Each structure stands twice: as structure tokens, then as C-alpha cells.
Amino acid sequence: MKQEDMALLRDECSDGNDRACHTLERLCEDGRDDACQYTPT
């Protein structure tokens, strides 16, 4: 996944898109540290 895709997911998640948030969480669990910083707390 490219950085632009990560930014798009982050924007979607912050807009209330639960699916985007879950995708970021899964990427984080898969070891993508760049996704972890975007997951909601």
C-alpha cells in the first residue's frame, strides 16, 4: 500500500468511515507501523 492510500484511508476514517478505520487497524496488526499512527485511539 502506498503512502497516498494510507492518507486516503486516514481521511476516510476521520470522516467517520468505520471500514477505513478497520482497514488501518488490520494493517497495523500486520506490522505496518505507518498504519498504526493513523488508527483511532
N, C-alpha and C. Protein backbone atom coordinates (compact mmCIF):
# COMPACT_ATOMS: atom_id res chain seq x y z
N MET A 1 0.84 -1.19 0.00
CA MET A 1 0.00 0.00 0.00
C MET A 1 0.89 1.25 0.00
N LYS A 2 0.54 2.18 -0.83
CA LYS A 2 1.32 3.40 -0.94
C LYS A 2 0.92 4.42 0.12
N GLN A 3 1.80 5.38 0.34
CA GLN A 3 1.55 6.41 1.35
C GLN A 3 0.28 7.20 1.04
N GLU A 4 0.03 7.43 -0.26
CA GLU A 4 -1.19 8.17 -0.63
C GLU A 4 -2.44 7.40 -0.22
N ASP A 5 -2.39 6.08 -0.39
CA ASP A 5 -3.53 5.25 0.01
C ASP A 5 -3.74 5.33 1.52
N MET A 6 -2.64 5.33 2.25
CA MET A 6 -2.72 5.41 3.70
C MET A 6 -3.36 6.74 4.11
N ALA A 7 -2.98 7.82 3.44
CA ALA A 7 -3.54 9.13 3.75
C ALA A 7 -5.03 9.16 3.43
N LEU A 8 -5.42 8.52 2.33
CA LEU A 8 -6.83 8.47 1.96
C LEU A 8 -7.64 7.70 3.01
N LEU A 9 -7.11 6.56 3.44
CA LEU A 9 -7.78 5.79 4.48
C LEU A 9 -7.90 6.62 5.76
N ARG A 10 -6.84 7.32 6.10
CA ARG A 10 -6.86 8.15 7.31
C ARG A 10 -7.94 9.21 7.21
N ASP A 11 -8.03 9.87 6.05
CA ASP A 11 -9.05 10.90 5.86
C ASP A 11 -10.45 10.30 5.95
N GLU A 12 -10.64 9.15 5.31
CA GLU A 12 -11.95 8.49 5.36
C GLU A 12 -12.31 8.11 6.79
N CYS A 13 -11.32 7.60 7.51
CA CYS A 13 -11.55 7.18 8.90
C CYS A 13 -11.93 8.38 9.75
N SER A 14 -11.24 9.50 9.57
CA SER A 14 -11.54 10.68 10.37
C SER A 14 -12.89 11.27 10.01
N ASP A 15 -13.37 10.95 8.80
CA ASP A 15 -14.70 11.40 8.38
C ASP A 15 -15.80 10.47 8.88
N GLY A 16 -15.42 9.42 9.60
CA GLY A 16 -16.40 8.53 10.20
C GLY A 16 -16.63 7.24 9.44
N ASN A 17 -15.72 6.91 8.50
CA ASN A 17 -15.85 5.68 7.74
C ASN A 17 -15.25 4.53 8.56
N ASP A 18 -16.12 3.73 9.18
CA ASP A 18 -15.64 2.64 10.03
C ASP A 18 -14.82 1.62 9.26
N ARG A 19 -15.18 1.37 8.01
CA ARG A 19 -14.45 0.38 7.22
C ARG A 19 -13.00 0.81 7.01
N ALA A 20 -12.79 2.10 6.76
CA ALA A 20 -11.43 2.62 6.60
C ALA A 20 -10.66 2.48 7.91
N CYS A 21 -11.32 2.76 9.03
CA CYS A 21 -10.66 2.62 10.33
C CYS A 21 -10.25 1.18 10.58
N HIS A 22 -11.14 0.23 10.28
CA HIS A 22 -10.83 -1.18 10.48
C HIS A 22 -9.68 -1.62 9.58
N THR A 23 -9.64 -1.09 8.36
CA THR A 23 -8.55 -1.42 7.45
C THR A 23 -7.22 -0.96 8.03
N LEU A 24 -7.19 0.24 8.57
CA LEU A 24 -5.96 0.75 9.20
C LEU A 24 -5.56 -0.12 10.38
N GLU A 25 -6.53 -0.54 11.17
CA GLU A 25 -6.23 -1.39 12.32
C GLU A 25 -5.65 -2.72 11.88
N ARG A 26 -6.21 -3.30 10.82
CA ARG A 26 -5.69 -4.58 10.31
C ARG A 26 -4.28 -4.41 9.78
N LEU A 27 -4.03 -3.33 9.05
CA LEU A 27 -2.69 -3.09 8.52
C LEU A 27 -1.69 -2.94 9.66
N CYS A 28 -2.10 -2.26 10.71
CA CYS A 28 -1.25 -2.08 11.88
C CYS A 28 -0.91 -3.44 12.49
N GLU A 29 -1.93 -4.28 12.64
CA GLU A 29 -1.72 -5.61 13.22
C GLU A 29 -0.82 -6.46 12.33
N ASP A 30 -0.84 -6.18 11.03
CA ASP A 30 0.00 -6.93 10.09
C ASP A 30 1.44 -6.42 10.07
N GLY A 31 1.73 -5.43 10.91
CA GLY A 31 3.10 -4.96 11.02
C GLY A 31 3.39 -3.67 10.27
N ARG A 32 2.35 -3.04 9.75
CA ARG A 32 2.57 -1.77 9.05
C ARG A 32 2.58 -0.64 10.06
N ASP A 33 3.78 -0.26 10.50
CA ASP A 33 3.89 0.78 11.53
C ASP A 33 3.32 2.10 11.05
N ASP A 34 3.39 2.36 9.74
CA ASP A 34 2.85 3.62 9.23
C ASP A 34 1.33 3.67 9.37
N ALA A 35 0.69 2.51 9.41
CA ALA A 35 -0.75 2.47 9.62
C ALA A 35 -1.09 2.68 11.09
N CYS A 36 -0.23 2.22 11.97
CA CYS A 36 -0.52 2.31 13.41
C CYS A 36 -0.69 3.75 13.86
N GLN A 37 0.07 4.66 13.28
CA GLN A 37 -0.02 6.06 13.72
C GLN A 37 -1.35 6.70 13.32
N TYR A 38 -2.07 6.06 12.40
CA TYR A 38 -3.33 6.62 11.92
C TYR A 38 -4.55 6.00 12.58
N THR A 39 -4.36 4.92 13.32
CA THR A 39 -5.51 4.25 13.90
C THR A 39 -6.09 5.11 15.02
N PRO A 40 -7.40 5.16 15.11
CA PRO A 40 -8.02 5.97 16.17
C PRO A 40 -7.72 5.38 17.55
N THR A 41 -7.60 6.24 18.53
CA THR A 41 -7.27 5.77 19.88
C THR A 41 -8.53 5.49 20.67
